[in-house]
Amino acid sequence: MAAKFIPRKIFPHYESIPRSYFLGHHRAGLEKMKNMLSSVDYIIECRDFRAPVTSINPMFEEALGDKSRMIVYTKRDLGGTQRAAVQQTEKKIRNLDPKSAVFFVSSSSNKDTAPVIKYLRNDAYGPDRLVGCRVMVVGMPNVGKSTLINALRNQGMKKAKAVRTGDQPGITRKIGTPVKIVEREEGSDVYVLDTPGVFVPYMPDAERMLKLALCGCVKDAIIPPTTIADYLLYHINLHNPQVYQRWSEPTNEVMPLLHAFARHAGLLAKGGIANIDLAALRFIQRWRAGELGKFILDDVDAEHERRQHETGEEPGPSMTQAIKAAKLARKQRNSQA
């Protein structure tokens, strides 16, 4: 009789995970956002539904001040299959930001943006009817900002997409030109501005870095794809290991699984040797497309509990402190090399 499969309860391979992905255009984009605040009337902050806590960038709180804000969680369709469970999760996520309007949109349907358009039509106004209302869309890299703008334009104006999108971060490198998404008879139309994704200068928690890499917020070359695939396998096993049964029995060992996956997909190098890195990337991409289970990586209940107990704690690091920490970590890694 075969032994019962027991999935790993923790993922132990954190030592080699880089903690920084704050690129030049991230810094430049954030500074340009700050400089444009006086001409912006509204903020839409995008977060990834699959990582609703980890995809929050605290620098936006510091940089964007007290502008009116809406939060839109993207890719809801990739975060669960049971409607009741997804709705319960949405309720918990809304409670993370009780003072903000919160919406959820999918990656496959523009109709999900109809409530967002309705809200902006009723709530987003600028000081001048001729100029209209300017809405800045911000978020982590590759969280779905450009896709959201195209969906809003399609839903609000019945027009084709206006901004370029891609499956890797860094497609948008500068703040775009205004895109009209709401037209009002009395004027004061609503325009949105696409912005570059902005990462945090230093990520002290290695697991959060892995979550963002798995969701595609970090370029695939930053962390070895086999490490990301192993982290994905760890999560799949906690939910439903049967999703990869065509390639392997339930397993905690990623390399045999990737070898089998590579052979099945024909990802072979010269001599019939499995191309493991390419297999790992394809395995990850299948999950990002919803083909290897749909689940949330963050524990929202734990985040609520953490927030309830944080009263009296020291505030988190400022942007300047975070940048210094990133430089120090880089120096330490270089000295160890």
C-alpha atoms as a PDB file:
ATOM      1  CA  MET A   1       0.000   0.000   0.000  1.00  0.00           C
ATOM      2  CA  ALA A   2       1.419   3.384  -1.040  1.00  0.00           C
ATOM      3  CA  ALA A   3       2.209   5.842   1.707  1.00  0.00           C
ATOM      4  CA  LYS A   4      -0.150   8.800   2.038  1.00  0.00           C
ATOM      5  CA  PHE A   5       1.252  11.963   0.467  1.00  0.00           C
ATOM      6  CA  ILE A   6       2.073  14.697   2.985  1.00  0.00           C
ATOM      7  CA  PRO A   7       2.716  18.171   1.505  1.00  0.00           C
ATOM      8  CA  ARG A   8       5.356  20.459   2.947  1.00  0.00           C
ATOM      9  CA  LYS A   9       4.065  22.786   5.661  1.00  0.00           C
ATOM     10  CA  ILE A  10       6.805  25.364   5.106  1.00  0.00           C
ATOM     11  CA  PHE A  11       8.964  26.396   2.184  1.00  0.00           C
ATOM     12  CA  PRO A  12      12.575  26.411   3.438  1.00  0.00           C
ATOM     13  CA  HIS A  13      14.601  27.814   0.527  1.00  0.00           C
ATOM     14  CA  TYR A  14      14.729  31.524   1.322  1.00  0.00           C
ATOM     15  CA  GLU A  15      18.462  32.169   1.803  1.00  0.00           C
ATOM     16  CA  SER A  16      19.328  32.916  -1.837  1.00  0.00           C
ATOM     17  CA  ILE A  17      16.253  34.994  -2.700  1.00  0.00           C
ATOM     18  CA  PRO A  18      17.174  38.567  -3.778  1.00  0.00           C
ATOM     19  CA  ARG A  19      15.296  41.232  -1.811  1.00  0.00           C
ATOM     20  CA  SER A  20      15.541  44.188  -4.187  1.00  0.00           C
ATOM     21  CA  TYR A  21      13.970  44.955  -7.579  1.00  0.00           C
ATOM     22  CA  PHE A  22      13.850  48.768  -7.450  1.00  0.00           C
ATOM     23  CA  LEU A  23      14.940  49.720 -10.968  1.00  0.00           C
ATOM     24  CA  GLY A  24      15.811  53.130 -12.369  1.00  0.00           C
ATOM     25  CA  HIS A  25      12.470  53.637 -14.094  1.00  0.00           C
ATOM     26  CA  HIS A  26      10.686  52.681 -10.841  1.00  0.00           C
ATOM     27  CA  ARG A  27      12.383  55.552  -9.019  1.00  0.00           C
ATOM     28  CA  ALA A  28      11.904  57.964 -11.939  1.00  0.00           C
ATOM     29  CA  GLY A  29       8.247  56.986 -12.290  1.00  0.00           C
ATOM     30  CA  LEU A  30       7.558  57.517  -8.594  1.00  0.00           C
ATOM     31  CA  GLU A  31       9.198  60.943  -8.639  1.00  0.00           C
ATOM     32  CA  LYS A  32       7.185  61.941 -11.721  1.00  0.00           C
ATOM     33  CA  MET A  33       3.983  60.807  -9.984  1.00  0.00           C
ATOM     34  CA  LYS A  34       4.800  63.025  -7.001  1.00  0.00           C
ATOM     35  CA  ASN A  35       5.465  65.992  -9.274  1.00  0.00           C
ATOM     36  CA  MET A  36       2.167  65.480 -11.115  1.00  0.00           C
ATOM     37  CA  LEU A  37      -0.004  65.219  -8.006  1.00  0.00           C
ATOM     38  CA  SER A  38      -1.112  68.839  -8.197  1.00  0.00           C
ATOM     39  CA  SER A  39      -2.666  68.176 -11.620  1.00  0.00           C
ATOM     40  CA  VAL A  40      -4.251  64.823 -10.681  1.00  0.00           C
ATOM     41  CA  ASP A  41      -7.714  64.622  -9.120  1.00  0.00           C
ATOM     42  CA  TYR A  42      -8.082  60.937  -8.332  1.00  0.00           C
ATOM     43  CA  ILE A  43      -5.993  57.801  -7.758  1.00  0.00           C
ATOM     44  CA  ILE A  44      -6.756  54.202  -8.734  1.00  0.00           C
ATOM     45  CA  GLU A  45      -4.424  51.785  -6.971  1.00  0.00           C
ATOM     46  CA  CYS A  46      -4.228  48.330  -8.550  1.00  0.00           C
ATOM     47  CA  ARG A  47      -3.412  45.221  -6.541  1.00  0.00           C
ATOM     48  CA  ASP A  48      -3.277  41.544  -7.517  1.00  0.00           C
ATOM     49  CA  PHE A  49      -6.196  39.504  -6.133  1.00  0.00           C
ATOM     50  CA  ARG A  50      -3.921  36.452  -5.867  1.00  0.00           C
ATOM     51  CA  ALA A  51      -1.623  38.398  -3.502  1.00  0.00           C
ATOM     52  CA  PRO A  52      -3.962  41.009  -1.988  1.00  0.00           C
ATOM     53  CA  VAL A  53      -1.621  41.874   0.888  1.00  0.00           C
ATOM     54  CA  THR A  54       1.777  41.358  -0.732  1.00  0.00           C
ATOM     55  CA  SER A  55       0.914  43.486  -3.785  1.00  0.00           C
ATOM     56  CA  ILE A  56       0.281  46.542  -1.593  1.00  0.00           C
ATOM     57  CA  ASN A  57       3.091  49.046  -2.077  1.00  0.00           C
ATOM     58  CA  PRO A  58       3.353  51.148   1.123  1.00  0.00           C
ATOM     59  CA  MET A  59       5.347  53.799  -0.735  1.00  0.00           C
ATOM     60  CA  PHE A  60       2.147  54.968  -2.417  1.00  0.00           C
ATOM     61  CA  GLU A  61       0.741  55.974   0.976  1.00  0.00           C
ATOM     62  CA  GLU A  62       3.791  58.144   1.542  1.00  0.00           C
ATOM     63  CA  ALA A  63       4.134  59.489  -1.995  1.00  0.00           C
ATOM     64  CA  LEU A  64       0.556  60.140  -3.087  1.00  0.00           C
ATOM     65  CA  GLY A  65      -0.771  61.869   0.002  1.00  0.00           C
ATOM     66  CA  ASP A  66      -4.486  62.249   0.716  1.00  0.00           C
ATOM     67  CA  LYS A  67      -5.828  62.226  -2.838  1.00  0.00           C
ATOM     68  CA  SER A  68      -9.219  60.565  -3.313  1.00  0.00           C
ATOM     69  CA  ARG A  69      -8.495  56.930  -3.973  1.00  0.00           C
ATOM     70  CA  MET A  70     -10.106  53.779  -5.287  1.00  0.00           C
ATOM     71  CA  ILE A  71      -8.563  50.317  -4.944  1.00  0.00           C
ATOM     72  CA  VAL A  72      -9.038  47.788  -7.745  1.00  0.00           C
ATOM     73  CA  TYR A  73      -7.998  44.162  -7.267  1.00  0.00           C
ATOM     74  CA  THR A  74      -7.181  42.649 -10.650  1.00  0.00           C
ATOM     75  CA  LYS A  75      -7.222  39.010 -11.831  1.00  0.00           C
ATOM     76  CA  ARG A  76     -10.015  37.962  -9.493  1.00  0.00           C
ATOM     77  CA  ASP A  77     -10.862  35.100 -11.853  1.00  0.00           C
ATOM     78  CA  LEU A  78      -7.445  33.547 -11.090  1.00  0.00           C
ATOM     79  CA  GLY A  79      -7.886  33.566  -7.303  1.00  0.00           C
ATOM     80  CA  GLY A  80     -10.548  30.917  -6.794  1.00  0.00           C
ATOM     81  CA  THR A  81     -13.260  28.768  -8.369  1.00  0.00           C
ATOM     82  CA  GLN A  82     -15.885  28.449  -5.609  1.00  0.00           C
ATOM     83  CA  ARG A  83     -18.138  31.506  -5.872  1.00  0.00           C
ATOM     84  CA  ALA A  84     -19.126  31.555  -2.186  1.00  0.00           C
ATOM     85  CA  ALA A  85     -15.511  31.267  -1.042  1.00  0.00           C
ATOM     86  CA  VAL A  86     -14.393  34.006  -3.442  1.00  0.00           C
ATOM     87  CA  GLN A  87     -17.142  36.323  -2.199  1.00  0.00           C
ATOM     88  CA  GLN A  88     -16.105  35.668   1.399  1.00  0.00           C
ATOM     89  CA  THR A  89     -12.507  36.486   0.481  1.00  0.00           C
ATOM     90  CA  GLU A  90     -13.633  39.696  -1.212  1.00  0.00           C
ATOM     91  CA  LYS A  91     -15.410  40.744   1.981  1.00  0.00           C
ATOM     92  CA  LYS A  92     -12.236  40.197   4.023  1.00  0.00           C
ATOM     93  CA  ILE A  93     -10.147  42.103   1.487  1.00  0.00           C
ATOM     94  CA  ARG A  94     -12.580  45.052   1.504  1.00  0.00           C
ATOM     95  CA  ASN A  95     -12.118  45.276   5.262  1.00  0.00           C
ATOM     96  CA  LEU A  96      -8.389  45.868   4.772  1.00  0.00           C
ATOM     97  CA  ASP A  97      -9.270  49.347   3.448  1.00  0.00           C
ATOM     98  CA  PRO A  98     -12.625  50.304   4.975  1.00  0.00           C
ATOM     99  CA  LYS A  99     -12.241  53.997   4.068  1.00  0.00           C
ATOM    100  CA  SER A 100     -11.689  53.386   0.333  1.00  0.00           C
ATOM    101  CA  ALA A 101     -13.948  52.241  -2.476  1.00  0.00           C
ATOM    102  CA  VAL A 102     -12.838  48.704  -3.397  1.00  0.00           C
ATOM    103  CA  PHE A 103     -13.584  46.841  -6.627  1.00  0.00           C
ATOM    104  CA  PHE A 104     -12.655  43.468  -8.116  1.00  0.00           C
ATOM    105  CA  VAL A 105     -12.113  42.796 -11.820  1.00  0.00           C
ATOM    106  CA  SER A 106     -11.152  39.708 -13.795  1.00  0.00           C
ATOM    107  CA  SER A 107      -8.453  39.307 -16.408  1.00  0.00           C
ATOM    108  CA  SER A 108     -10.847  37.885 -18.976  1.00  0.00           C
ATOM    109  CA  SER A 109     -13.951  40.106 -18.939  1.00  0.00           C
ATOM    110  CA  ASN A 110     -14.302  43.838 -19.527  1.00  0.00           C
ATOM    111  CA  LYS A 111     -17.816  43.730 -18.037  1.00  0.00           C
ATOM    112  CA  ASP A 112     -16.319  43.553 -14.536  1.00  0.00           C
ATOM    113  CA  THR A 113     -15.243  47.170 -14.941  1.00  0.00           C
ATOM    114  CA  ALA A 114     -18.839  48.450 -15.291  1.00  0.00           C
ATOM    115  CA  PRO A 115     -19.140  49.192 -11.513  1.00  0.00           C
ATOM    116  CA  VAL A 116     -15.787  51.020 -11.663  1.00  0.00           C
ATOM    117  CA  ILE A 117     -17.014  53.199 -14.561  1.00  0.00           C
ATOM    118  CA  LYS A 118     -20.281  53.904 -12.734  1.00  0.00           C
ATOM    119  CA  TYR A 119     -18.436  54.916  -9.572  1.00  0.00           C
ATOM    120  CA  LEU A 120     -16.041  57.208 -11.432  1.00  0.00           C
ATOM    121  CA  ARG A 121     -18.916  58.783 -13.355  1.00  0.00           C
ATOM    122  CA  ASN A 122     -20.622  59.680 -10.061  1.00  0.00           C
ATOM    123  CA  ASP A 123     -17.588  60.408  -7.867  1.00  0.00           C
ATOM    124  CA  ALA A 124     -14.620  61.577  -9.957  1.00  0.00           C
ATOM    125  CA  TYR A 125     -14.761  65.270 -10.764  1.00  0.00           C
ATOM    126  CA  GLY A 126     -12.033  67.778 -11.492  1.00  0.00           C
ATOM    127  CA  PRO A 127     -11.975  71.484 -10.652  1.00  0.00           C
ATOM    128  CA  ASP A 128     -12.580  72.541 -14.279  1.00  0.00           C
ATOM    129  CA  ARG A 129     -15.179  71.143 -16.685  1.00  0.00           C
ATOM    130  CA  LEU A 130     -13.028  71.978 -19.687  1.00  0.00           C
ATOM    131  CA  VAL A 131     -10.002  70.091 -18.359  1.00  0.00           C
ATOM    132  CA  GLY A 132     -12.048  67.255 -16.895  1.00  0.00           C
ATOM    133  CA  CYS A 133     -10.993  64.839 -14.184  1.00  0.00           C
ATOM    134  CA  ARG A 134      -7.513  63.287 -14.364  1.00  0.00           C
ATOM    135  CA  VAL A 135      -7.175  59.857 -12.745  1.00  0.00           C
ATOM    136  CA  MET A 136      -3.733  58.321 -12.138  1.00  0.00           C
ATOM    137  CA  VAL A 137      -3.518  54.513 -12.133  1.00  0.00           C
ATOM    138  CA  VAL A 138      -0.717  53.181  -9.912  1.00  0.00           C
ATOM    139  CA  GLY A 139       0.479  49.790  -8.667  1.00  0.00           C
ATOM    140  CA  MET A 140       3.256  47.219  -8.541  1.00  0.00           C
ATOM    141  CA  PRO A 141       4.895  46.127 -11.835  1.00  0.00           C
ATOM    142  CA  ASN A 142       2.713  43.899 -14.039  1.00  0.00           C
ATOM    143  CA  VAL A 143      -0.215  44.037 -11.621  1.00  0.00           C
ATOM    144  CA  GLY A 144      -2.618  44.778 -14.471  1.00  0.00           C
ATOM    145  CA  LYS A 145      -2.751  48.592 -14.692  1.00  0.00           C
ATOM    146  CA  SER A 146      -2.579  48.835 -18.489  1.00  0.00           C
ATOM    147  CA  THR A 147      -5.059  45.974 -18.917  1.00  0.00           C
ATOM    148  CA  LEU A 148      -7.451  47.744 -16.550  1.00  0.00           C
ATOM    149  CA  ILE A 149      -7.171  51.007 -18.507  1.00  0.00           C
ATOM    150  CA  ASN A 150      -7.947  49.226 -21.775  1.00  0.00           C
ATOM    151  CA  ALA A 151     -10.951  47.508 -20.160  1.00  0.00           C
ATOM    152  CA  LEU A 152     -12.204  50.829 -18.737  1.00  0.00           C
ATOM    153  CA  ARG A 153     -11.858  52.478 -22.152  1.00  0.00           C
ATOM    154  CA  ASN A 154     -13.719  49.617 -23.811  1.00  0.00           C
ATOM    155  CA  GLN A 155     -16.497  49.613 -21.205  1.00  0.00           C
ATOM    156  CA  GLY A 156     -16.841  53.401 -20.921  1.00  0.00           C
ATOM    157  CA  MET A 157     -16.217  54.521 -24.497  1.00  0.00           C
ATOM    158  CA  LYS A 158     -16.724  51.310 -26.524  1.00  0.00           C
ATOM    159  CA  LYS A 159     -13.283  51.767 -28.055  1.00  0.00           C
ATOM    160  CA  ALA A 160     -10.295  49.498 -28.610  1.00  0.00           C
ATOM    161  CA  LYS A 161      -7.320  49.375 -26.272  1.00  0.00           C
ATOM    162  CA  ALA A 162      -5.207  52.487 -25.928  1.00  0.00           C
ATOM    163  CA  VAL A 163      -2.100  51.284 -24.051  1.00  0.00           C
ATOM    164  CA  ARG A 164       0.351  48.466 -24.633  1.00  0.00           C
ATOM    165  CA  THR A 165       0.324  45.399 -22.376  1.00  0.00           C
ATOM    166  CA  GLY A 166       2.550  42.342 -21.879  1.00  0.00           C
ATOM    167  CA  ASP A 167       3.107  39.319 -19.646  1.00  0.00           C
ATOM    168  CA  GLN A 168       6.380  40.651 -18.200  1.00  0.00           C
ATOM    169  CA  PRO A 169       6.864  43.728 -15.979  1.00  0.00           C
ATOM    170  CA  GLY A 170       8.428  46.861 -17.440  1.00  0.00           C
ATOM    171  CA  ILE A 171       6.200  47.334 -20.520  1.00  0.00           C
ATOM    172  CA  THR A 172       5.152  50.783 -19.273  1.00  0.00           C
ATOM    173  CA  ARG A 173       8.265  52.851 -18.514  1.00  0.00           C
ATOM    174  CA  LYS A 174       6.847  56.354 -18.307  1.00  0.00           C
ATOM    175  CA  ILE A 175       3.586  58.081 -17.483  1.00  0.00           C
ATOM    176  CA  GLY A 176       1.306  57.895 -20.514  1.00  0.00           C
ATOM    177  CA  THR A 177      -0.918  60.472 -22.169  1.00  0.00           C
ATOM    178  CA  PRO A 178      -4.478  60.876 -20.813  1.00  0.00           C
ATOM    179  CA  VAL A 179      -6.978  58.276 -22.052  1.00  0.00           C
ATOM    180  CA  LYS A 180     -10.677  59.197 -21.955  1.00  0.00           C
ATOM    181  CA  ILE A 181     -12.854  56.569 -20.248  1.00  0.00           C
ATOM    182  CA  VAL A 182     -15.982  58.564 -19.249  1.00  0.00           C
ATOM    183  CA  GLU A 183     -17.738  61.192 -21.342  1.00  0.00           C
ATOM    184  CA  ARG A 184     -20.277  63.471 -19.688  1.00  0.00           C
ATOM    185  CA  GLU A 185     -22.862  65.640 -21.454  1.00  0.00           C
ATOM    186  CA  GLU A 186     -22.091  68.566 -19.190  1.00  0.00           C
ATOM    187  CA  GLY A 187     -18.341  68.229 -19.723  1.00  0.00           C
ATOM    188  CA  SER A 188     -15.775  67.302 -17.072  1.00  0.00           C
ATOM    189  CA  ASP A 189     -14.909  64.026 -18.817  1.00  0.00           C
ATOM    190  CA  VAL A 190     -12.765  61.461 -16.976  1.00  0.00           C
ATOM    191  CA  TYR A 191      -9.266  60.672 -18.243  1.00  0.00           C
ATOM    192  CA  VAL A 192      -6.860  58.052 -16.890  1.00  0.00           C
ATOM    193  CA  LEU A 193      -3.057  58.128 -16.898  1.00  0.00           C
ATOM    194  CA  ASP A 194      -1.061  54.898 -17.086  1.00  0.00           C
ATOM    195  CA  THR A 195       2.100  54.811 -14.942  1.00  0.00           C
ATOM    196  CA  PRO A 196       5.154  52.532 -14.645  1.00  0.00           C
ATOM    197  CA  GLY A 197       4.875  49.805 -12.064  1.00  0.00           C
ATOM    198  CA  VAL A 198       6.786  50.711  -8.908  1.00  0.00           C
ATOM    199  CA  PHE A 199       8.421  48.064  -6.713  1.00  0.00           C
ATOM    200  CA  VAL A 200       9.562  48.661  -3.132  1.00  0.00           C
ATOM    201  CA  PRO A 201      13.284  49.527  -2.711  1.00  0.00           C
ATOM    202  CA  TYR A 202      13.882  46.589  -0.376  1.00  0.00           C
ATOM    203  CA  MET A 203      11.751  43.561   0.461  1.00  0.00           C
ATOM    204  CA  PRO A 204      12.738  42.337   3.954  1.00  0.00           C
ATOM    205  CA  ASP A 205      10.478  39.283   3.681  1.00  0.00           C
ATOM    206  CA  ALA A 206      11.860  36.771   1.160  1.00  0.00           C
ATOM    207  CA  GLU A 207       8.556  34.913   0.885  1.00  0.00           C
ATOM    208  CA  ARG A 208       6.811  38.079  -0.251  1.00  0.00           C
ATOM    209  CA  MET A 209       9.457  38.418  -2.950  1.00  0.00           C
ATOM    210  CA  LEU A 210       8.654  34.876  -4.085  1.00  0.00           C
ATOM    211  CA  LYS A 211       4.923  35.581  -4.153  1.00  0.00           C
ATOM    212  CA  LEU A 212       5.425  38.659  -6.331  1.00  0.00           C
ATOM    213  CA  ALA A 213       7.778  36.728  -8.622  1.00  0.00           C
ATOM    214  CA  LEU A 214       5.223  33.934  -8.953  1.00  0.00           C
ATOM    215  CA  CYS A 215       2.499  36.451  -9.857  1.00  0.00           C
ATOM    216  CA  GLY A 216       4.785  38.014 -12.487  1.00  0.00           C
ATOM    217  CA  CYS A 217       5.490  41.313 -10.698  1.00  0.00           C
ATOM    218  CA  VAL A 218       9.229  40.558 -10.870  1.00  0.00           C
ATOM    219  CA  LYS A 219      11.002  39.680 -14.119  1.00  0.00           C
ATOM    220  CA  ASP A 220      11.481  35.936 -14.423  1.00  0.00           C
ATOM    221  CA  ALA A 221      15.261  36.318 -14.713  1.00  0.00           C
ATOM    222  CA  ILE A 222      15.646  37.857 -11.227  1.00  0.00           C
ATOM    223  CA  ILE A 223      14.945  34.624  -9.298  1.00  0.00           C
ATOM    224  CA  PRO A 224      15.880  31.198 -10.730  1.00  0.00           C
ATOM    225  CA  PRO A 225      12.753  29.772 -12.405  1.00  0.00           C
ATOM    226  CA  THR A 226      13.269  26.418 -10.702  1.00  0.00           C
ATOM    227  CA  THR A 227      13.025  28.150  -7.322  1.00  0.00           C
ATOM    228  CA  ILE A 228       9.778  29.887  -8.318  1.00  0.00           C
ATOM    229  CA  ALA A 229       8.427  26.605  -9.710  1.00  0.00           C
ATOM    230  CA  ASP A 230       9.330  24.853  -6.454  1.00  0.00           C
ATOM    231  CA  TYR A 231       7.511  27.561  -4.477  1.00  0.00           C
ATOM    232  CA  LEU A 232       4.510  27.116  -6.790  1.00  0.00           C
ATOM    233  CA  LEU A 233       4.597  23.350  -6.233  1.00  0.00           C
ATOM    234  CA  TYR A 234       4.595  23.965  -2.480  1.00  0.00           C
ATOM    235  CA  HIS A 235       1.371  26.005  -2.796  1.00  0.00           C
ATOM    236  CA  ILE A 236      -0.288  23.647  -5.288  1.00  0.00           C
ATOM    237  CA  ASN A 237       0.259  20.740  -2.909  1.00  0.00           C
ATOM    238  CA  LEU A 238      -1.481  22.641  -0.114  1.00  0.00           C
ATOM    239  CA  HIS A 239      -4.552  23.045  -2.348  1.00  0.00           C
ATOM    240  CA  ASN A 240      -4.808  20.208  -4.879  1.00  0.00           C
ATOM    241  CA  PRO A 241      -1.816  18.164  -6.090  1.00  0.00           C
ATOM    242  CA  GLN A 242      -4.064  16.367  -8.579  1.00  0.00           C
ATOM    243  CA  VAL A 243      -3.765  19.314 -10.992  1.00  0.00           C
ATOM    244  CA  TYR A 244      -0.392  18.002 -12.198  1.00  0.00           C
ATOM    245  CA  GLN A 245      -1.272  14.292 -12.171  1.00  0.00           C
ATOM    246  CA  ARG A 246      -0.782  13.977 -15.955  1.00  0.00           C
ATOM    247  CA  TRP A 247       2.967  14.426 -15.326  1.00  0.00           C
ATOM    248  CA  SER A 248       3.568  13.041 -11.869  1.00  0.00           C
ATOM    249  CA  GLU A 249       2.157  11.507  -8.728  1.00  0.00           C
ATOM    250  CA  PRO A 250       1.874  14.004  -5.825  1.00  0.00           C
ATOM    251  CA  THR A 251       5.407  15.009  -4.893  1.00  0.00           C
ATOM    252  CA  ASN A 252       7.387  17.549  -2.911  1.00  0.00           C
ATOM    253  CA  GLU A 253      10.358  17.212  -5.280  1.00  0.00           C
ATOM    254  CA  VAL A 254      10.207  19.745  -8.076  1.00  0.00           C
ATOM    255  CA  MET A 255      13.061  18.470 -10.277  1.00  0.00           C
ATOM    256  CA  PRO A 256      11.545  15.052 -11.180  1.00  0.00           C
ATOM    257  CA  LEU A 257       8.248  16.841 -11.863  1.00  0.00           C
ATOM    258  CA  LEU A 258       9.926  19.357 -14.176  1.00  0.00           C
ATOM    259  CA  HIS A 259      11.792  16.564 -15.999  1.00  0.00           C
ATOM    260  CA  ALA A 260       8.491  14.789 -16.636  1.00  0.00           C
ATOM    261  CA  PHE A 261       6.794  18.059 -17.628  1.00  0.00           C
ATOM    262  CA  ALA A 262       9.639  18.875 -20.067  1.00  0.00           C
ATOM    263  CA  ARG A 263       9.424  15.468 -21.748  1.00  0.00           C
ATOM    264  CA  HIS A 264       5.650  15.711 -22.074  1.00  0.00           C
ATOM    265  CA  ALA A 265       5.824  19.254 -23.546  1.00  0.00           C
ATOM    266  CA  GLY A 266       8.782  18.472 -25.825  1.00  0.00           C
ATOM    267  CA  LEU A 267      11.061  20.965 -24.065  1.00  0.00           C
ATOM    268  CA  LEU A 268      14.267  19.127 -24.861  1.00  0.00           C
ATOM    269  CA  ALA A 269      17.753  20.341 -25.671  1.00  0.00           C
ATOM    270  CA  LYS A 270      20.336  18.515 -27.807  1.00  0.00           C
ATOM    271  CA  GLY A 271      20.635  14.860 -27.005  1.00  0.00           C
ATOM    272  CA  GLY A 272      17.096  14.724 -25.649  1.00  0.00           C
ATOM    273  CA  ILE A 273      18.098  16.427 -22.384  1.00  0.00           C
ATOM    274  CA  ALA A 274      15.243  18.199 -20.634  1.00  0.00           C
ATOM    275  CA  ASN A 275      15.466  21.998 -20.669  1.00  0.00           C
ATOM    276  CA  ILE A 276      14.653  22.420 -16.995  1.00  0.00           C
ATOM    277  CA  ASP A 277      14.701  26.229 -16.834  1.00  0.00           C
ATOM    278  CA  LEU A 278      12.328  26.517 -19.789  1.00  0.00           C
ATOM    279  CA  ALA A 279      10.126  23.795 -18.316  1.00  0.00           C
ATOM    280  CA  ALA A 280       9.998  25.713 -15.016  1.00  0.00           C
ATOM    281  CA  LEU A 281       8.948  28.909 -16.829  1.00  0.00           C
ATOM    282  CA  ARG A 282       6.220  27.104 -18.784  1.00  0.00           C
ATOM    283  CA  PHE A 283       5.002  25.434 -15.575  1.00  0.00           C
ATOM    284  CA  ILE A 284       4.772  28.848 -13.871  1.00  0.00           C
ATOM    285  CA  GLN A 285       3.026  30.387 -16.881  1.00  0.00           C
ATOM    286  CA  ARG A 286       0.363  27.688 -16.759  1.00  0.00           C
ATOM    287  CA  TRP A 287      -0.475  28.670 -13.183  1.00  0.00           C
ATOM    288  CA  ARG A 288      -0.546  32.367 -14.108  1.00  0.00           C
ATOM    289  CA  ALA A 289      -3.074  31.459 -16.808  1.00  0.00           C
ATOM    290  CA  GLY A 290      -5.227  29.575 -14.287  1.00  0.00           C
ATOM    291  CA  GLU A 291      -4.413  26.097 -15.614  1.00  0.00           C
ATOM    292  CA  LEU A 292      -2.773  24.704 -12.446  1.00  0.00           C
ATOM    293  CA  GLY A 293      -5.271  25.697  -9.810  1.00  0.00           C
ATOM    294  CA  LYS A 294      -6.730  29.062  -8.813  1.00  0.00           C
ATOM    295  CA  PHE A 295      -5.906  30.188  -5.293  1.00  0.00           C
ATOM    296  CA  ILE A 296      -4.711  33.110  -3.184  1.00  0.00           C
ATOM    297  CA  LEU A 297      -1.137  33.142  -1.903  1.00  0.00           C
ATOM    298  CA  ASP A 298      -1.706  35.464   1.078  1.00  0.00           C
ATOM    299  CA  ASP A 299      -3.396  34.706   4.395  1.00  0.00           C
ATOM    300  CA  VAL A 300      -5.856  37.602   4.671  1.00  0.00           C
ATOM    301  CA  ASP A 301      -7.033  36.526   8.141  1.00  0.00           C
ATOM    302  CA  ALA A 302      -3.445  36.662   9.402  1.00  0.00           C
ATOM    303  CA  GLU A 303      -3.071  40.175   7.968  1.00  0.00           C
ATOM    304  CA  HIS A 304      -6.205  41.340   9.807  1.00  0.00           C
ATOM    305  CA  GLU A 305      -4.847  39.861  13.017  1.00  0.00           C
ATOM    306  CA  ARG A 306      -1.454  41.516  12.473  1.00  0.00           C
ATOM    307  CA  ARG A 307      -3.084  44.897  11.972  1.00  0.00           C
ATOM    308  CA  GLN A 308      -5.169  44.497  15.103  1.00  0.00           C
ATOM    309  CA  HIS A 309      -2.035  43.901  17.176  1.00  0.00           C
ATOM    310  CA  GLU A 310       0.219  46.507  15.632  1.00  0.00           C
ATOM    311  CA  THR A 311      -1.026  49.461  17.711  1.00  0.00           C
ATOM    312  CA  GLY A 312       1.937  50.985  19.465  1.00  0.00           C
ATOM    313  CA  GLU A 313       4.507  49.411  17.148  1.00  0.00           C
ATOM    314  CA  GLU A 314       7.176  51.484  15.471  1.00  0.00           C
ATOM    315  CA  PRO A 315       6.163  52.720  12.005  1.00  0.00           C
ATOM    316  CA  GLY A 316       7.584  50.962   8.969  1.00  0.00           C
ATOM    317  CA  PRO A 317      10.713  52.239   7.215  1.00  0.00           C
ATOM    318  CA  SER A 318      10.494  55.374   5.100  1.00  0.00           C
ATOM    319  CA  MET A 319      11.436  55.304   1.422  1.00  0.00           C
ATOM    320  CA  THR A 320      14.894  56.731   2.223  1.00  0.00           C
ATOM    321  CA  GLN A 321      15.490  54.123   4.922  1.00  0.00           C
ATOM    322  CA  ALA A 322      14.339  51.351   2.584  1.00  0.00           C
ATOM    323  CA  ILE A 323      16.745  52.472  -0.150  1.00  0.00           C
ATOM    324  CA  LYS A 324      19.627  52.524   2.359  1.00  0.00           C
ATOM    325  CA  ALA A 325      18.702  49.015   3.492  1.00  0.00           C
ATOM    326  CA  ALA A 326      18.720  47.813  -0.126  1.00  0.00           C
ATOM    327  CA  LYS A 327      22.201  49.291  -0.712  1.00  0.00           C
ATOM    328  CA  LEU A 328      23.529  47.700   2.484  1.00  0.00           C
ATOM    329  CA  ALA A 329      22.109  44.302   1.509  1.00  0.00           C
ATOM    330  CA  ARG A 330      23.718  44.608  -1.932  1.00  0.00           C
ATOM    331  CA  LYS A 331      27.103  45.397  -0.399  1.00  0.00           C
ATOM    332  CA  GLN A 332      26.825  42.418   1.931  1.00  0.00           C
ATOM    333  CA  ARG A 333      25.993  40.072  -0.966  1.00  0.00           C
ATOM    334  CA  ASN A 334      28.902  41.416  -3.029  1.00  0.00           C
ATOM    335  CA  SER A 335      31.333  40.962  -0.138  1.00  0.00           C
ATOM    336  CA  GLN A 336      30.222  37.346   0.278  1.00  0.00           C
ATOM    337  CA  ALA A 337      30.586  36.578  -3.438  1.00  0.00           C
END
